[in-house]
Amino acid sequence: MFWYLVLASIPVLLTGFLLRDVVSTQLRDPLVIAWASIGFGLLLWFADYSGKRVRQMNSITLSDAVIIGLSQVLALIPG
């Protein structure tokens, strides 16, 4: 589980480091934040609508860790 956590953290660390100027300036625009909030709201609605699954911690795979890591890159967009 520790290595999956490390692997999932790599994409957001690299993206945050390489695009820190873009994230701190251009992504702080109110229009970007508004559209991101709408988009993330729709994404959360779809995830809730499409079905609920209960998973155990020991069932997480390498591909799950990669998907989680890539999804964390979206967290760099405020809103």
C-alpha atoms as a PDB file:
ATOM      1  CA  MET A   1       0.000   0.000   0.000  1.00  0.00           C
ATOM      2  CA  PHE A   2       2.883   2.387   0.770  1.00  0.00           C
ATOM      3  CA  TRP A   3       4.351   1.965  -2.717  1.00  0.00           C
ATOM      4  CA  TYR A   4       0.960   2.555  -4.323  1.00  0.00           C
ATOM      5  CA  LEU A   5       0.723   5.798  -2.340  1.00  0.00           C
ATOM      6  CA  VAL A   6       4.178   6.835  -3.533  1.00  0.00           C
ATOM      7  CA  LEU A   7       3.305   5.952  -7.135  1.00  0.00           C
ATOM      8  CA  ALA A   8      -0.002   7.852  -6.962  1.00  0.00           C
ATOM      9  CA  SER A   9       1.805  10.957  -5.690  1.00  0.00           C
ATOM     10  CA  ILE A  10       4.320  11.158  -8.536  1.00  0.00           C
ATOM     11  CA  PRO A  11       2.020  12.660 -11.242  1.00  0.00           C
ATOM     12  CA  VAL A  12       0.786  15.526  -9.075  1.00  0.00           C
ATOM     13  CA  LEU A  13       4.289  16.250  -7.768  1.00  0.00           C
ATOM     14  CA  LEU A  14       5.765  16.405 -11.264  1.00  0.00           C
ATOM     15  CA  THR A  15       2.887  18.407 -12.718  1.00  0.00           C
ATOM     16  CA  GLY A  16       2.841  20.814  -9.789  1.00  0.00           C
ATOM     17  CA  PHE A  17       6.578  21.355 -10.069  1.00  0.00           C
ATOM     18  CA  LEU A  18       6.693  21.732 -13.848  1.00  0.00           C
ATOM     19  CA  LEU A  19       3.578  23.908 -14.127  1.00  0.00           C
ATOM     20  CA  ARG A  20       3.821  25.865 -10.875  1.00  0.00           C
ATOM     21  CA  ASP A  21       3.767  29.235 -12.648  1.00  0.00           C
ATOM     22  CA  VAL A  22       0.691  28.306 -14.688  1.00  0.00           C
ATOM     23  CA  VAL A  23      -1.101  26.936 -11.634  1.00  0.00           C
ATOM     24  CA  SER A  24      -0.329  29.979  -9.498  1.00  0.00           C
ATOM     25  CA  THR A  25      -1.308  32.554 -12.159  1.00  0.00           C
ATOM     26  CA  GLN A  26      -3.535  31.395 -15.004  1.00  0.00           C
ATOM     27  CA  LEU A  27      -5.541  28.784 -13.102  1.00  0.00           C
ATOM     28  CA  ARG A  28      -6.477  31.349 -10.426  1.00  0.00           C
ATOM     29  CA  ASP A  29      -8.687  33.221 -12.910  1.00  0.00           C
ATOM     30  CA  PRO A  30     -12.311  33.419 -11.680  1.00  0.00           C
ATOM     31  CA  LEU A  31     -13.625  32.120 -15.015  1.00  0.00           C
ATOM     32  CA  VAL A  32     -11.392  29.031 -14.808  1.00  0.00           C
ATOM     33  CA  ILE A  33     -12.500  28.436 -11.211  1.00  0.00           C
ATOM     34  CA  ALA A  34     -16.175  28.786 -12.182  1.00  0.00           C
ATOM     35  CA  TRP A  35     -15.930  26.330 -15.072  1.00  0.00           C
ATOM     36  CA  ALA A  36     -13.854  23.916 -13.001  1.00  0.00           C
ATOM     37  CA  SER A  37     -16.480  23.981 -10.241  1.00  0.00           C
ATOM     38  CA  ILE A  38     -19.241  23.238 -12.739  1.00  0.00           C
ATOM     39  CA  GLY A  39     -17.207  20.482 -14.399  1.00  0.00           C
ATOM     40  CA  PHE A  40     -16.187  18.843 -11.130  1.00  0.00           C
ATOM     41  CA  GLY A  41     -19.777  19.055  -9.896  1.00  0.00           C
ATOM     42  CA  LEU A  42     -20.981  17.223 -13.004  1.00  0.00           C
ATOM     43  CA  LEU A  43     -18.194  14.688 -12.627  1.00  0.00           C
ATOM     44  CA  LEU A  44     -19.171  14.021  -9.005  1.00  0.00           C
ATOM     45  CA  TRP A  45     -22.829  13.729  -9.993  1.00  0.00           C
ATOM     46  CA  PHE A  46     -21.963  11.196 -12.704  1.00  0.00           C
ATOM     47  CA  ALA A  47     -19.789   9.188 -10.327  1.00  0.00           C
ATOM     48  CA  ASP A  48     -22.587   9.097  -7.771  1.00  0.00           C
ATOM     49  CA  TYR A  49     -25.205   8.254 -10.412  1.00  0.00           C
ATOM     50  CA  SER A  50     -23.224   5.535 -12.175  1.00  0.00           C
ATOM     51  CA  GLY A  51     -23.093   3.287  -9.156  1.00  0.00           C
ATOM     52  CA  LYS A  52     -21.623   2.699  -5.794  1.00  0.00           C
ATOM     53  CA  ARG A  53     -18.997   0.080  -5.152  1.00  0.00           C
ATOM     54  CA  VAL A  54     -17.508  -0.956  -1.890  1.00  0.00           C
ATOM     55  CA  ARG A  55     -13.867  -1.948  -2.153  1.00  0.00           C
ATOM     56  CA  GLN A  56     -11.469  -3.255   0.403  1.00  0.00           C
ATOM     57  CA  MET A  57      -8.071  -1.642   0.854  1.00  0.00           C
ATOM     58  CA  ASN A  58      -6.289  -4.852  -0.128  1.00  0.00           C
ATOM     59  CA  SER A  59      -8.080  -4.966  -3.496  1.00  0.00           C
ATOM     60  CA  ILE A  60      -6.366  -1.829  -4.849  1.00  0.00           C
ATOM     61  CA  THR A  61      -4.182  -2.619  -7.841  1.00  0.00           C
ATOM     62  CA  LEU A  62      -1.327  -0.858  -9.606  1.00  0.00           C
ATOM     63  CA  SER A  63      -3.668   0.506 -12.273  1.00  0.00           C
ATOM     64  CA  ASP A  64      -5.944   1.908  -9.543  1.00  0.00           C
ATOM     65  CA  ALA A  65      -2.958   3.736  -8.041  1.00  0.00           C
ATOM     66  CA  VAL A  66      -2.039   5.195 -11.431  1.00  0.00           C
ATOM     67  CA  ILE A  67      -5.625   6.378 -12.048  1.00  0.00           C
ATOM     68  CA  ILE A  68      -5.765   7.943  -8.585  1.00  0.00           C
ATOM     69  CA  GLY A  69      -2.441   9.679  -9.185  1.00  0.00           C
ATOM     70  CA  LEU A  70      -3.541  11.083 -12.537  1.00  0.00           C
ATOM     71  CA  SER A  71      -6.826  12.221 -11.022  1.00  0.00           C
ATOM     72  CA  GLN A  72      -4.946  14.122  -8.335  1.00  0.00           C
ATOM     73  CA  VAL A  73      -3.530  16.359 -11.055  1.00  0.00           C
ATOM     74  CA  LEU A  74      -7.037  17.813 -11.403  1.00  0.00           C
ATOM     75  CA  ALA A  75      -6.761  18.949  -7.794  1.00  0.00           C
ATOM     76  CA  LEU A  76      -4.270  21.575  -8.946  1.00  0.00           C
ATOM     77  CA  ILE A  77      -7.192  23.455 -10.524  1.00  0.00           C
ATOM     78  CA  PRO A  78      -8.851  25.517  -7.817  1.00  0.00           C
ATOM     79  CA  GLY A  79     -12.577  25.212  -7.309  1.00  0.00           C
END
